[in-house]
Amino acid sequence: MLAAVNGALYALMAWQGGKFAQRFGYFLALKTGFVIMVAALAIGSQVHSAAGHILVMAVTVIGMCFTWPTLRSAGERGENRTGVQRMVGSTT
């Protein structure tokens, strides 16, 4: 159940993180994501309950959603569909 909630939260928030990166810029989105993740994990190191750790996991996933879509978008910027397919599928 926890893994399913984690996946669903990531699926929903990655879309929002990507929209944030497009609107406000890649670097701001990366900084925001890293700050959210560091803050959540720092607070999580002081939490001693299961519910607290679940909340920390959820907030960390939300922060992660500002980083991965942003990094992917920055890497694919300026490429057409064929170029992206070649980059993703190529082993060289």
Protein backbone atom coordinates (compact mmCIF):
# COMPACT_ATOMS: atom_id res chain seq x y z
CA MET A 1 0.00 0.00 0.00
CA LEU A 2 2.82 2.38 0.88
CA ALA A 3 4.59 1.74 -2.44
CA ALA A 4 1.35 2.31 -4.34
CA VAL A 5 0.75 5.62 -2.58
CA ASN A 6 4.36 6.60 -3.28
CA GLY A 7 3.97 5.80 -7.00
CA ALA A 8 0.64 7.59 -7.31
CA LEU A 9 2.00 10.66 -5.56
CA TYR A 10 5.02 10.68 -7.86
CA ALA A 11 2.87 10.30 -10.98
CA LEU A 12 0.66 13.23 -10.02
CA MET A 13 3.38 15.53 -8.72
CA ALA A 14 5.89 14.88 -11.55
CA TRP A 15 3.40 16.48 -13.92
CA GLN A 16 3.14 19.51 -11.63
CA GLY A 17 6.91 19.66 -11.18
CA GLY A 18 7.38 19.71 -14.95
CA LYS A 19 4.86 22.50 -15.33
CA PHE A 20 6.63 24.47 -12.58
CA ALA A 21 9.99 24.04 -14.34
CA GLN A 22 8.56 25.26 -17.65
CA ARG A 23 6.94 28.27 -16.07
CA PHE A 24 9.65 29.41 -13.63
CA GLY A 25 12.82 27.92 -15.09
CA TYR A 26 14.89 24.78 -14.72
CA PHE A 27 17.34 26.06 -12.12
CA LEU A 28 14.66 27.40 -9.79
CA ALA A 29 12.80 24.08 -10.04
CA LEU A 30 15.98 22.14 -9.22
CA LYS A 31 16.79 24.37 -6.26
CA THR A 32 13.22 24.12 -4.98
CA GLY A 33 13.26 20.34 -5.24
CA PHE A 34 16.60 19.97 -3.49
CA VAL A 35 15.56 22.31 -0.67
CA ILE A 36 12.30 20.40 -0.14
CA MET A 37 14.11 17.04 -0.09
CA VAL A 38 16.89 18.18 2.26
CA ALA A 39 14.41 19.82 4.64
CA ALA A 40 12.13 16.77 4.68
CA LEU A 41 15.02 14.38 5.32
CA ALA A 42 16.49 16.62 8.01
CA ILE A 43 13.14 16.75 9.78
CA GLY A 44 12.70 13.03 9.20
CA SER A 45 15.91 12.28 11.08
CA GLN A 46 14.20 13.63 14.20
CA VAL A 47 10.85 11.84 13.73
CA HIS A 48 10.21 8.64 15.66
CA SER A 49 6.76 7.55 14.50
CA ALA A 50 5.58 5.54 11.53
CA ALA A 51 3.10 8.21 10.50
CA GLY A 52 5.87 10.82 10.64
CA HIS A 53 8.12 8.74 8.41
CA ILE A 54 5.31 8.24 5.91
CA LEU A 55 4.78 11.99 5.81
CA VAL A 56 8.52 12.55 5.35
CA MET A 57 8.51 10.04 2.48
CA ALA A 58 5.60 11.85 0.83
CA VAL A 59 7.24 15.28 1.13
CA THR A 60 10.56 13.89 -0.15
CA VAL A 61 8.78 12.42 -3.19
CA ILE A 62 7.15 15.78 -3.83
CA GLY A 63 10.59 17.41 -3.75
CA MET A 64 11.94 14.73 -6.07
CA CYS A 65 9.20 15.60 -8.54
CA PHE A 66 10.80 19.01 -8.97
CA THR A 67 14.16 17.46 -9.90
CA TRP A 68 13.71 14.43 -12.19
CA PRO A 69 11.29 15.94 -14.72
CA THR A 70 13.41 19.09 -14.77
CA LEU A 71 16.63 17.18 -15.45
CA ARG A 72 14.94 15.17 -18.18
CA SER A 73 13.48 18.28 -19.82
CA ALA A 74 16.81 20.09 -19.68
CA GLY A 75 18.54 17.12 -21.31
CA GLU A 76 15.99 16.87 -24.11
CA ARG A 77 15.70 20.59 -24.76
CA GLY A 78 15.98 21.46 -28.43
CA GLU A 79 15.67 17.85 -29.63
CA ASN A 80 12.97 16.67 -31.98
CA ARG A 81 11.05 13.42 -31.42
CA THR A 82 13.56 11.34 -33.39
CA GLY A 83 16.48 12.82 -31.48
CA VAL A 84 14.89 12.03 -28.12
CA GLN A 85 14.12 8.47 -29.20
CA ARG A 86 17.72 8.03 -30.35
CA MET A 87 19.08 9.45 -27.05
CA VAL A 88 16.85 7.21 -24.92
CA GLY A 89 17.31 4.05 -26.98
CA SER A 90 20.97 4.36 -27.89
CA THR A 91 23.59 2.32 -26.03
CA THR A 92 26.54 4.34 -27.31
